[in-house]
């Protein structure tokens, strides 16, 4: 069970780092480019893809917890 807790802690840390990196990238983009209010013309992390990957990860963790 310790391995699962370690994995969950690592996942949480990674998510924190991802949130910080996304916020920094957004600020950098807004500072260096004029914001396009209609086209959304800069590349960001796609929230739908990120949410899907997190859902899959959570499902796998729940499955491991059920089996353990």
C-alpha atoms as a PDB file:
ATOM      1  CA  UNK A   1       0.000   0.000   0.000  1.00  0.00           C
ATOM      2  CA  UNK A   2       2.989   2.287   0.553  1.00  0.00           C
ATOM      3  CA  UNK A   3       3.824   2.101  -3.149  1.00  0.00           C
ATOM      4  CA  UNK A   4       0.321   3.326  -3.991  1.00  0.00           C
ATOM      5  CA  UNK A   5       0.612   6.238  -1.573  1.00  0.00           C
ATOM      6  CA  UNK A   6       4.021   7.107  -3.015  1.00  0.00           C
ATOM      7  CA  UNK A   7       2.550   7.019  -6.522  1.00  0.00           C
ATOM      8  CA  UNK A   8      -0.382   9.229  -5.496  1.00  0.00           C
ATOM      9  CA  UNK A   9       2.000  11.700  -3.869  1.00  0.00           C
ATOM     10  CA  UNK A  10       4.131  11.769  -7.014  1.00  0.00           C
ATOM     11  CA  UNK A  11       1.009  12.284  -9.149  1.00  0.00           C
ATOM     12  CA  UNK A  12      -0.112  15.166  -6.950  1.00  0.00           C
ATOM     13  CA  UNK A  13       3.339  16.769  -7.146  1.00  0.00           C
ATOM     14  CA  UNK A  14       3.362  16.399 -10.924  1.00  0.00           C
ATOM     15  CA  UNK A  15      -0.072  18.004 -11.195  1.00  0.00           C
ATOM     16  CA  UNK A  16       1.081  20.919  -9.046  1.00  0.00           C
ATOM     17  CA  UNK A  17       4.101  21.397 -11.307  1.00  0.00           C
ATOM     18  CA  UNK A  18       1.907  21.168 -14.402  1.00  0.00           C
ATOM     19  CA  UNK A  19      -0.447  23.852 -13.074  1.00  0.00           C
ATOM     20  CA  UNK A  20       2.497  26.149 -12.314  1.00  0.00           C
ATOM     21  CA  UNK A  21       4.072  25.559 -15.736  1.00  0.00           C
ATOM     22  CA  UNK A  22       0.767  26.183 -17.529  1.00  0.00           C
ATOM     23  CA  UNK A  23       0.233  29.434 -15.633  1.00  0.00           C
ATOM     24  CA  UNK A  24       3.792  30.572 -16.409  1.00  0.00           C
ATOM     25  CA  UNK A  25       3.376  29.723 -20.085  1.00  0.00           C
ATOM     26  CA  UNK A  26       0.102  31.611 -20.236  1.00  0.00           C
ATOM     27  CA  UNK A  27       1.683  34.677 -18.642  1.00  0.00           C
ATOM     28  CA  UNK A  28       4.665  34.488 -20.998  1.00  0.00           C
ATOM     29  CA  UNK A  29       2.381  34.222 -24.023  1.00  0.00           C
ATOM     30  CA  UNK A  30       0.238  37.131 -22.901  1.00  0.00           C
ATOM     31  CA  UNK A  31       3.309  39.280 -22.310  1.00  0.00           C
ATOM     32  CA  UNK A  32       4.936  38.574 -25.675  1.00  0.00           C
ATOM     33  CA  UNK A  33       1.898  38.598 -27.964  1.00  0.00           C
ATOM     34  CA  UNK A  34      -1.202  40.622 -28.378  1.00  0.00           C
ATOM     35  CA  UNK A  35      -4.067  38.559 -27.092  1.00  0.00           C
ATOM     36  CA  UNK A  36      -6.375  37.359 -29.842  1.00  0.00           C
ATOM     37  CA  UNK A  37      -9.843  37.643 -28.305  1.00  0.00           C
ATOM     38  CA  UNK A  38     -11.587  35.867 -31.150  1.00  0.00           C
ATOM     39  CA  UNK A  39      -9.210  33.207 -32.448  1.00  0.00           C
ATOM     40  CA  UNK A  40      -7.453  31.915 -29.351  1.00  0.00           C
ATOM     41  CA  UNK A  41      -4.316  31.957 -31.465  1.00  0.00           C
ATOM     42  CA  UNK A  42      -1.688  30.595 -29.099  1.00  0.00           C
ATOM     43  CA  UNK A  43      -0.853  27.028 -28.167  1.00  0.00           C
ATOM     44  CA  UNK A  44      -1.813  25.930 -24.700  1.00  0.00           C
ATOM     45  CA  UNK A  45      -2.365  22.609 -23.021  1.00  0.00           C
ATOM     46  CA  UNK A  46      -5.686  21.227 -24.196  1.00  0.00           C
ATOM     47  CA  UNK A  47      -7.821  20.921 -21.053  1.00  0.00           C
ATOM     48  CA  UNK A  48      -9.967  18.155 -22.561  1.00  0.00           C
ATOM     49  CA  UNK A  49      -6.964  15.940 -23.291  1.00  0.00           C
ATOM     50  CA  UNK A  50      -5.477  16.622 -19.865  1.00  0.00           C
ATOM     51  CA  UNK A  51      -8.797  15.805 -18.185  1.00  0.00           C
ATOM     52  CA  UNK A  52      -9.077  12.578 -20.172  1.00  0.00           C
ATOM     53  CA  UNK A  53      -5.576  11.474 -19.170  1.00  0.00           C
ATOM     54  CA  UNK A  54      -6.284  12.279 -15.529  1.00  0.00           C
ATOM     55  CA  UNK A  55      -9.552  10.338 -15.669  1.00  0.00           C
ATOM     56  CA  UNK A  56      -7.746   7.286 -17.025  1.00  0.00           C
ATOM     57  CA  UNK A  57      -5.084   7.609 -14.324  1.00  0.00           C
ATOM     58  CA  UNK A  58      -7.696   7.917 -11.581  1.00  0.00           C
ATOM     59  CA  UNK A  59      -9.566   4.884 -12.923  1.00  0.00           C
ATOM     60  CA  UNK A  60      -6.366   2.835 -12.862  1.00  0.00           C
ATOM     61  CA  UNK A  61      -5.595   3.921  -9.296  1.00  0.00           C
ATOM     62  CA  UNK A  62      -9.115   3.059  -8.186  1.00  0.00           C
ATOM     63  CA  UNK A  63      -8.802  -0.363  -9.819  1.00  0.00           C
ATOM     64  CA  UNK A  64      -5.527  -1.026  -8.012  1.00  0.00           C
ATOM     65  CA  UNK A  65      -7.065   0.057  -4.716  1.00  0.00           C
ATOM     66  CA  UNK A  66     -10.053  -2.252  -5.254  1.00  0.00           C
ATOM     67  CA  UNK A  67      -7.747  -5.180  -5.999  1.00  0.00           C
ATOM     68  CA  UNK A  68      -5.486  -4.424  -3.012  1.00  0.00           C
END
